[in-house]
Amino acid sequence: TISRDDAKTTSYLQMNNLKPEDTGVYYCSMY
């Protein structure tokens, strides 16, 4: 689940039921 809090200029990514194939480096981007 992705969410945002603009007052905090922050983005969140809640990751549940993680699997081995989710392994990696996670990058955020903003426009």
ModelCIF file with pLDDT and N, C-alpha, C, O atoms, coordinates in Angstrom:
data_MODEL
#
_entry.id   MODEL 
#
_entity.id                         1 
_entity.type                       polymer 
_entity.pdbx_number_of_molecules   1 
#
_entity_poly.entity_id                      1 
_entity_poly.type                           'polypeptide(L)' 
_entity_poly.nstd_linkage                   no 
_entity_poly.nstd_monomer                   no 
_entity_poly.pdbx_seq_one_letter_code       TISRDDAKTTSYLQMNNLKPEDTGVYYCSMY 
_entity_poly.pdbx_seq_one_letter_code_can   TISRDDAKTTSYLQMNNLKPEDTGVYYCSMY 
_entity_poly.pdbx_strand_id                 A 
#
loop_
_entity_poly_seq.entity_id 
_entity_poly_seq.num 
_entity_poly_seq.mon_id 
_entity_poly_seq.hetero 
1 1  THR n 
1 2  ILE n 
1 3  SER n 
1 4  ARG n 
1 5  ASP n 
1 6  ASP n 
1 7  ALA n 
1 8  LYS n 
1 9  THR n 
1 10 THR n 
1 11 SER n 
1 12 TYR n 
1 13 LEU n 
1 14 GLN n 
1 15 MET n 
1 16 ASN n 
1 17 ASN n 
1 18 LEU n 
1 19 LYS n 
1 20 PRO n 
1 21 GLU n 
1 22 ASP n 
1 23 THR n 
1 24 GLY n 
1 25 VAL n 
1 26 TYR n 
1 27 TYR n 
1 28 CYS n 
1 29 SER n 
1 30 MET n 
1 31 TYR n 
#
_struct_asym.id          A 
_struct_asym.entity_id   1 
#
loop_
_ma_qa_metric.id 
_ma_qa_metric.mode 
_ma_qa_metric.name 
_ma_qa_metric.software_group_id 
_ma_qa_metric.type 
1 global pLDDT . pLDDT 
2 local  pLDDT . pLDDT 
#
_ma_qa_metric_global.metric_id      1 
_ma_qa_metric_global.metric_value   97.45 
_ma_qa_metric_global.model_id       1 
_ma_qa_metric_global.ordinal_id     1 
#
loop_
_ma_qa_metric_local.label_asym_id 
_ma_qa_metric_local.label_comp_id 
_ma_qa_metric_local.label_seq_id 
_ma_qa_metric_local.metric_id 
_ma_qa_metric_local.metric_value 
_ma_qa_metric_local.model_id 
_ma_qa_metric_local.ordinal_id 
A THR 1  2 98.00 1 1  
A ILE 2  2 98.00 1 2  
A SER 3  2 98.00 1 3  
A ARG 4  2 98.00 1 4  
A ASP 5  2 97.00 1 5  
A ASP 6  2 95.00 1 6  
A ALA 7  2 95.00 1 7  
A LYS 8  2 96.00 1 8  
A THR 9  2 97.00 1 9  
A THR 10 2 98.00 1 10 
A SER 11 2 98.00 1 11 
A TYR 12 2 98.00 1 12 
A LEU 13 2 98.00 1 13 
A GLN 14 2 98.00 1 14 
A MET 15 2 98.00 1 15 
A ASN 16 2 98.00 1 16 
A ASN 17 2 98.00 1 17 
A LEU 18 2 98.00 1 18 
A LYS 19 2 98.00 1 19 
A PRO 20 2 97.00 1 20 
A GLU 21 2 96.00 1 21 
A ASP 22 2 98.00 1 22 
A THR 23 2 98.00 1 23 
A GLY 24 2 98.00 1 24 
A VAL 25 2 98.00 1 25 
A TYR 26 2 98.00 1 26 
A TYR 27 2 98.00 1 27 
A CYS 28 2 98.00 1 28 
A SER 29 2 98.00 1 29 
A MET 30 2 97.00 1 30 
A TYR 31 2 95.00 1 31 
#
loop_
_atom_site.group_PDB 
_atom_site.id 
_atom_site.type_symbol 
_atom_site.label_atom_id 
_atom_site.label_alt_id 
_atom_site.label_comp_id 
_atom_site.label_asym_id 
_atom_site.label_entity_id 
_atom_site.label_seq_id 
_atom_site.pdbx_PDB_ins_code 
_atom_site.Cartn_x 
_atom_site.Cartn_y 
_atom_site.Cartn_z 
_atom_site.occupancy 
_atom_site.B_iso_or_equiv 
_atom_site.pdbx_formal_charge 
_atom_site.auth_seq_id 
_atom_site.auth_comp_id 
_atom_site.auth_asym_id 
_atom_site.auth_atom_id 
_atom_site.pdbx_PDB_model_num 
ATOM 1   N N  . THR A 1 1  ? 0.847  -1.191  0.000  1.00 98.00 ? 1  THR A N  1 
ATOM 2   C CA . THR A 1 1  ? 0.000  0.000   0.000  1.00 98.00 ? 1  THR A CA 1 
ATOM 3   C C  . THR A 1 1  ? 0.883  1.241   0.000  1.00 98.00 ? 1  THR A C  1 
ATOM 4   O O  . THR A 1 1  ? 1.733  1.415   0.873  1.00 98.00 ? 1  THR A O  1 
ATOM 5   N N  . ILE A 1 2  ? 0.669  2.092   -0.982 1.00 98.00 ? 2  ILE A N  1 
ATOM 6   C CA . ILE A 1 2  ? 1.398  3.359   -1.032 1.00 98.00 ? 2  ILE A CA 1 
ATOM 7   C C  . ILE A 1 2  ? 0.499  4.456   -0.476 1.00 98.00 ? 2  ILE A C  1 
ATOM 8   O O  . ILE A 1 2  ? -0.708 4.464   -0.718 1.00 98.00 ? 2  ILE A O  1 
ATOM 9   N N  . SER A 1 3  ? 1.093  5.374   0.267  1.00 98.00 ? 3  SER A N  1 
ATOM 10  C CA . SER A 1 3  ? 0.340  6.493   0.816  1.00 98.00 ? 3  SER A CA 1 
ATOM 11  C C  . SER A 1 3  ? 1.251  7.718   0.853  1.00 98.00 ? 3  SER A C  1 
ATOM 12  O O  . SER A 1 3  ? 2.453  7.632   0.601  1.00 98.00 ? 3  SER A O  1 
ATOM 13  N N  . ARG A 1 4  ? 0.643  8.857   1.174  1.00 98.00 ? 4  ARG A N  1 
ATOM 14  C CA . ARG A 1 4  ? 1.421  10.084  1.209  1.00 98.00 ? 4  ARG A CA 1 
ATOM 15  C C  . ARG A 1 4  ? 0.917  11.018  2.289  1.00 98.00 ? 4  ARG A C  1 
ATOM 16  O O  . ARG A 1 4  ? -0.261 11.001  2.645  1.00 98.00 ? 4  ARG A O  1 
ATOM 17  N N  . ASP A 1 5  ? 1.815  11.828  2.804  1.00 97.00 ? 5  ASP A N  1 
ATOM 18  C CA . ASP A 1 5  ? 1.475  12.874  3.761  1.00 97.00 ? 5  ASP A CA 1 
ATOM 19  C C  . ASP A 1 5  ? 2.160  14.131  3.244  1.00 97.00 ? 5  ASP A C  1 
ATOM 20  O O  . ASP A 1 5  ? 3.347  14.347  3.490  1.00 97.00 ? 5  ASP A O  1 
ATOM 21  N N  . ASP A 1 6  ? 1.418  14.945  2.538  1.00 95.00 ? 6  ASP A N  1 
ATOM 22  C CA . ASP A 1 6  ? 2.029  16.114  1.906  1.00 95.00 ? 6  ASP A CA 1 
ATOM 23  C C  . ASP A 1 6  ? 2.519  17.128  2.935  1.00 95.00 ? 6  ASP A C  1 
ATOM 24  O O  . ASP A 1 6  ? 3.497  17.833  2.686  1.00 95.00 ? 6  ASP A O  1 
ATOM 25  N N  . ALA A 1 7  ? 1.863  17.210  4.075  1.00 95.00 ? 7  ALA A N  1 
ATOM 26  C CA . ALA A 1 7  ? 2.307  18.139  5.115  1.00 95.00 ? 7  ALA A CA 1 
ATOM 27  C C  . ALA A 1 7  ? 3.713  17.781  5.601  1.00 95.00 ? 7  ALA A C  1 
ATOM 28  O O  . ALA A 1 7  ? 4.482  18.650  6.014  1.00 95.00 ? 7  ALA A O  1 
ATOM 29  N N  . LYS A 1 8  ? 4.032  16.489  5.543  1.00 96.00 ? 8  LYS A N  1 
ATOM 30  C CA . LYS A 1 8  ? 5.352  16.020  5.950  1.00 96.00 ? 8  LYS A CA 1 
ATOM 31  C C  . LYS A 1 8  ? 6.251  15.750  4.744  1.00 96.00 ? 8  LYS A C  1 
ATOM 32  O O  . LYS A 1 8  ? 7.367  15.258  4.904  1.00 96.00 ? 8  LYS A O  1 
ATOM 33  N N  . THR A 1 9  ? 5.784  16.063  3.563  1.00 97.00 ? 9  THR A N  1 
ATOM 34  C CA . THR A 1 9  ? 6.490  15.798  2.290  1.00 97.00 ? 9  THR A CA 1 
ATOM 35  C C  . THR A 1 9  ? 7.052  14.386  2.276  1.00 97.00 ? 9  THR A C  1 
ATOM 36  O O  . THR A 1 9  ? 8.209  14.160  1.922  1.00 97.00 ? 9  THR A O  1 
ATOM 37  N N  . THR A 1 10 ? 6.205  13.444  2.670  1.00 98.00 ? 10 THR A N  1 
ATOM 38  C CA . THR A 1 10 ? 6.640  12.056  2.845  1.00 98.00 ? 10 THR A CA 1 
ATOM 39  C C  . THR A 1 10 ? 5.737  11.083  2.110  1.00 98.00 ? 10 THR A C  1 
ATOM 40  O O  . THR A 1 10 ? 4.517  11.245  2.062  1.00 98.00 ? 10 THR A O  1 
ATOM 41  N N  . SER A 1 11 ? 6.362  10.077  1.544  1.00 98.00 ? 11 SER A N  1 
ATOM 42  C CA . SER A 1 11 ? 5.658  8.961   0.923  1.00 98.00 ? 11 SER A CA 1 
ATOM 43  C C  . SER A 1 11 ? 5.955  7.706   1.725  1.00 98.00 ? 11 SER A C  1 
ATOM 44  O O  . SER A 1 11 ? 7.053  7.549   2.258  1.00 98.00 ? 11 SER A O  1 
ATOM 45  N N  . TYR A 1 12 ? 4.976  6.812   1.811  1.00 98.00 ? 12 TYR A N  1 
ATOM 46  C CA . TYR A 1 12 ? 5.146  5.566   2.537  1.00 98.00 ? 12 TYR A CA 1 
ATOM 47  C C  . TYR A 1 12 ? 4.826  4.384   1.622  1.00 98.00 ? 12 TYR A C  1 
ATOM 48  O O  . TYR A 1 12 ? 3.999  4.486   0.716  1.00 98.00 ? 12 TYR A O  1 
ATOM 49  N N  . LEU A 1 13 ? 5.493  3.271   1.875  1.00 98.00 ? 13 LEU A N  1 
ATOM 50  C CA . LEU A 1 13 ? 5.153  2.023   1.195  1.00 98.00 ? 13 LEU A CA 1 
ATOM 51  C C  . LEU A 1 13 ? 5.049  0.942   2.264  1.00 98.00 ? 13 LEU A C  1 
ATOM 52  O O  . LEU A 1 13 ? 6.056  0.474   2.795  1.00 98.00 ? 13 LEU A O  1 
ATOM 53  N N  . GLN A 1 14 ? 3.819  0.558   2.569  1.00 98.00 ? 14 GLN A N  1 
ATOM 54  C CA . GLN A 1 14 ? 3.575  -0.524  3.520  1.00 98.00 ? 14 GLN A CA 1 
ATOM 55  C C  . GLN A 1 14 ? 3.608  -1.833  2.756  1.00 98.00 ? 14 GLN A C  1 
ATOM 56  O O  . GLN A 1 14 ? 2.837  -2.032  1.817  1.00 98.00 ? 14 GLN A O  1 
ATOM 57  N N  . MET A 1 15 ? 4.495  -2.718  3.155  1.00 98.00 ? 15 MET A N  1 
ATOM 58  C CA . MET A 1 15 ? 4.671  -3.981  2.443  1.00 98.00 ? 15 MET A CA 1 
ATOM 59  C C  . MET A 1 15 ? 4.342  -5.129  3.388  1.00 98.00 ? 15 MET A C  1 
ATOM 60  O O  . MET A 1 15 ? 5.023  -5.332  4.393  1.00 98.00 ? 15 MET A O  1 
ATOM 61  N N  . ASN A 1 16 ? 3.294  -5.878  3.060  1.00 98.00 ? 16 ASN A N  1 
ATOM 62  C CA . ASN A 1 16 ? 2.857  -7.007  3.872  1.00 98.00 ? 16 ASN A CA 1 
ATOM 63  C C  . ASN A 1 16 ? 3.035  -8.309  3.096  1.00 98.00 ? 16 ASN A C  1 
ATOM 64  O O  . ASN A 1 16 ? 3.173  -8.307  1.873  1.00 98.00 ? 16 ASN A O  1 
ATOM 65  N N  . ASN A 1 17 ? 3.027  -9.410  3.827  1.00 98.00 ? 17 ASN A N  1 
ATOM 66  C CA . ASN A 1 17 ? 3.163  -10.730 3.210  1.00 98.00 ? 17 ASN A CA 1 
ATOM 67  C C  . ASN A 1 17 ? 4.330  -10.752 2.218  1.00 98.00 ? 17 ASN A C  1 
ATOM 68  O O  . ASN A 1 17 ? 4.178  -11.172 1.070  1.00 98.00 ? 17 ASN A O  1 
ATOM 69  N N  . LEU A 1 18 ? 5.463  -10.306 2.670  1.00 98.00 ? 18 LEU A N  1 
ATOM 70  C CA . LEU A 1 18 ? 6.627  -10.210 1.802  1.00 98.00 ? 18 LEU A CA 1 
ATOM 71  C C  . LEU A 1 18 ? 7.100  -11.576 1.330  1.00 98.00 ? 18 LEU A C  1 
ATOM 72  O O  . LEU A 1 18 ? 6.999  -12.571 2.048  1.00 98.00 ? 18 LEU A O  1 
ATOM 73  N N  . LYS A 1 19 ? 7.612  -11.602 0.122  1.00 98.00 ? 19 LYS A N  1 
ATOM 74  C CA . LYS A 1 19 ? 8.104  -12.822 -0.505 1.00 98.00 ? 19 LYS A CA 1 
ATOM 75  C C  . LYS A 1 19 ? 9.580  -12.646 -0.869 1.00 98.00 ? 19 LYS A C  1 
ATOM 76  O O  . LYS A 1 19 ? 10.044 -11.518 -1.035 1.00 98.00 ? 19 LYS A O  1 
ATOM 77  N N  . PRO A 1 20 ? 10.312 -13.739 -0.993 1.00 97.00 ? 20 PRO A N  1 
ATOM 78  C CA . PRO A 1 20 ? 11.737 -13.619 -1.368 1.00 97.00 ? 20 PRO A CA 1 
ATOM 79  C C  . PRO A 1 20 ? 11.941 -12.834 -2.663 1.00 97.00 ? 20 PRO A C  1 
ATOM 80  O O  . PRO A 1 20 ? 12.948 -12.143 -2.817 1.00 97.00 ? 20 PRO A O  1 
ATOM 81  N N  . GLU A 1 21 ? 10.998 -12.937 -3.587 1.00 96.00 ? 21 GLU A N  1 
ATOM 82  C CA . GLU A 1 21 ? 11.131 -12.210 -4.843 1.00 96.00 ? 21 GLU A CA 1 
ATOM 83  C C  . GLU A 1 21 ? 10.925 -10.702 -4.705 1.00 96.00 ? 21 GLU A C  1 
ATOM 84  O O  . GLU A 1 21 ? 11.107 -9.961  -5.671 1.00 96.00 ? 21 GLU A O  1 
ATOM 85  N N  . ASP A 1 22 ? 10.550 -10.246 -3.517 1.00 98.00 ? 22 ASP A N  1 
ATOM 86  C CA . ASP A 1 22 ? 10.457 -8.808  -3.254 1.00 98.00 ? 22 ASP A CA 1 
ATOM 87  C C  . ASP A 1 22 ? 11.815 -8.219  -2.873 1.00 98.00 ? 22 ASP A C  1 
ATOM 88  O O  . ASP A 1 22 ? 11.941 -7.004  -2.722 1.00 98.00 ? 22 ASP A O  1 
ATOM 89  N N  . THR A 1 23 ? 12.814 -9.058  -2.720 1.00 98.00 ? 23 THR A N  1 
ATOM 90  C CA . THR A 1 23 ? 14.149 -8.593  -2.345 1.00 98.00 ? 23 THR A CA 1 
ATOM 91  C C  . THR A 1 23 ? 14.724 -7.656  -3.397 1.00 98.00 ? 23 THR A C  1 
ATOM 92  O O  . THR A 1 23 ? 14.609 -7.897  -4.599 1.00 98.00 ? 23 THR A O  1 
ATOM 93  N N  . GLY A 1 24 ? 15.351 -6.575  -2.916 1.00 98.00 ? 24 GLY A N  1 
ATOM 94  C CA . GLY A 1 24 ? 15.973 -5.631  -3.821 1.00 98.00 ? 24 GLY A CA 1 
ATOM 95  C C  . GLY A 1 24 ? 16.215 -4.302  -3.141 1.00 98.00 ? 24 GLY A C  1 
ATOM 96  O O  . GLY A 1 24 ? 15.917 -4.127  -1.960 1.00 98.00 ? 24 GLY A O  1 
ATOM 97  N N  . VAL A 1 25 ? 16.758 -3.375  -3.897 1.00 98.00 ? 25 VAL A N  1 
ATOM 98  C CA . VAL A 1 25 ? 16.919 -2.003  -3.411 1.00 98.00 ? 25 VAL A CA 1 
ATOM 99  C C  . VAL A 1 25 ? 15.689 -1.222  -3.850 1.00 98.00 ? 25 VAL A C  1 
ATOM 100 O O  . VAL A 1 25 ? 15.340 -1.199  -5.030 1.00 98.00 ? 25 VAL A O  1 
ATOM 101 N N  . TYR A 1 26 ? 15.043 -0.591  -2.894 1.00 98.00 ? 26 TYR A N  1 
ATOM 102 C CA . TYR A 1 26 ? 13.826 0.166   -3.160 1.00 98.00 ? 26 TYR A CA 1 
ATOM 103 C C  . TYR A 1 26 ? 14.164 1.658   -3.224 1.00 98.00 ? 26 TYR A C  1 
ATOM 104 O O  . TYR A 1 26 ? 14.818 2.206   -2.336 1.00 98.00 ? 26 TYR A O  1 
ATOM 105 N N  . TYR A 1 27 ? 13.703 2.290   -4.292 1.00 98.00 ? 27 TYR A N  1 
ATOM 106 C CA . TYR A 1 27 ? 13.933 3.707   -4.522 1.00 98.00 ? 27 TYR A CA 1 
ATOM 107 C C  . TYR A 1 27 ? 12.607 4.455   -4.561 1.00 98.00 ? 27 TYR A C  1 
ATOM 108 O O  . TYR A 1 27 ? 11.625 3.963   -5.116 1.00 98.00 ? 27 TYR A O  1 
ATOM 109 N N  . CYS A 1 28 ? 12.585 5.629   -3.977 1.00 98.00 ? 28 CYS A N  1 
ATOM 110 C CA . CYS A 1 28 ? 11.406 6.466   -4.111 1.00 98.00 ? 28 CYS A CA 1 
ATOM 111 C C  . CYS A 1 28 ? 11.713 7.569   -5.119 1.00 98.00 ? 28 CYS A C  1 
ATOM 112 O O  . CYS A 1 28 ? 12.867 7.948   -5.323 1.00 98.00 ? 28 CYS A O  1 
ATOM 113 N N  . SER A 1 29 ? 10.671 8.063   -5.731 1.00 98.00 ? 29 SER A N  1 
ATOM 114 C CA . SER A 1 29 ? 10.797 9.209   -6.617 1.00 98.00 ? 29 SER A CA 1 
ATOM 115 C C  . SER A 1 29 ? 9.619  10.139  -6.397 1.00 98.00 ? 29 SER A C  1 
ATOM 116 O O  . SER A 1 29 ? 8.527  9.705   -6.030 1.00 98.00 ? 29 SER A O  1 
ATOM 117 N N  . MET A 1 30 ? 9.850  11.396  -6.620 1.00 97.00 ? 30 MET A N  1 
ATOM 118 C CA . MET A 1 30 ? 8.796  12.402  -6.524 1.00 97.00 ? 30 MET A CA 1 
ATOM 119 C C  . MET A 1 30 ? 8.968  13.381  -7.671 1.00 97.00 ? 30 MET A C  1 
ATOM 120 O O  . MET A 1 30 ? 10.083 13.711  -8.075 1.00 97.00 ? 30 MET A O  1 
ATOM 121 N N  . TYR A 1 31 ? 7.821  13.842  -8.189 1.00 95.00 ? 31 TYR A N  1 
ATOM 122 C CA . TYR A 1 31 ? 7.881  14.863  -9.232 1.00 95.00 ? 31 TYR A CA 1 
ATOM 123 C C  . TYR A 1 31 ? 7.597  16.210  -8.572 1.00 95.00 ? 31 TYR A C  1 
ATOM 124 O O  . TYR A 1 31 ? 7.591  17.239  -9.247 1.00 95.00 ? 31 TYR A O  1 
#
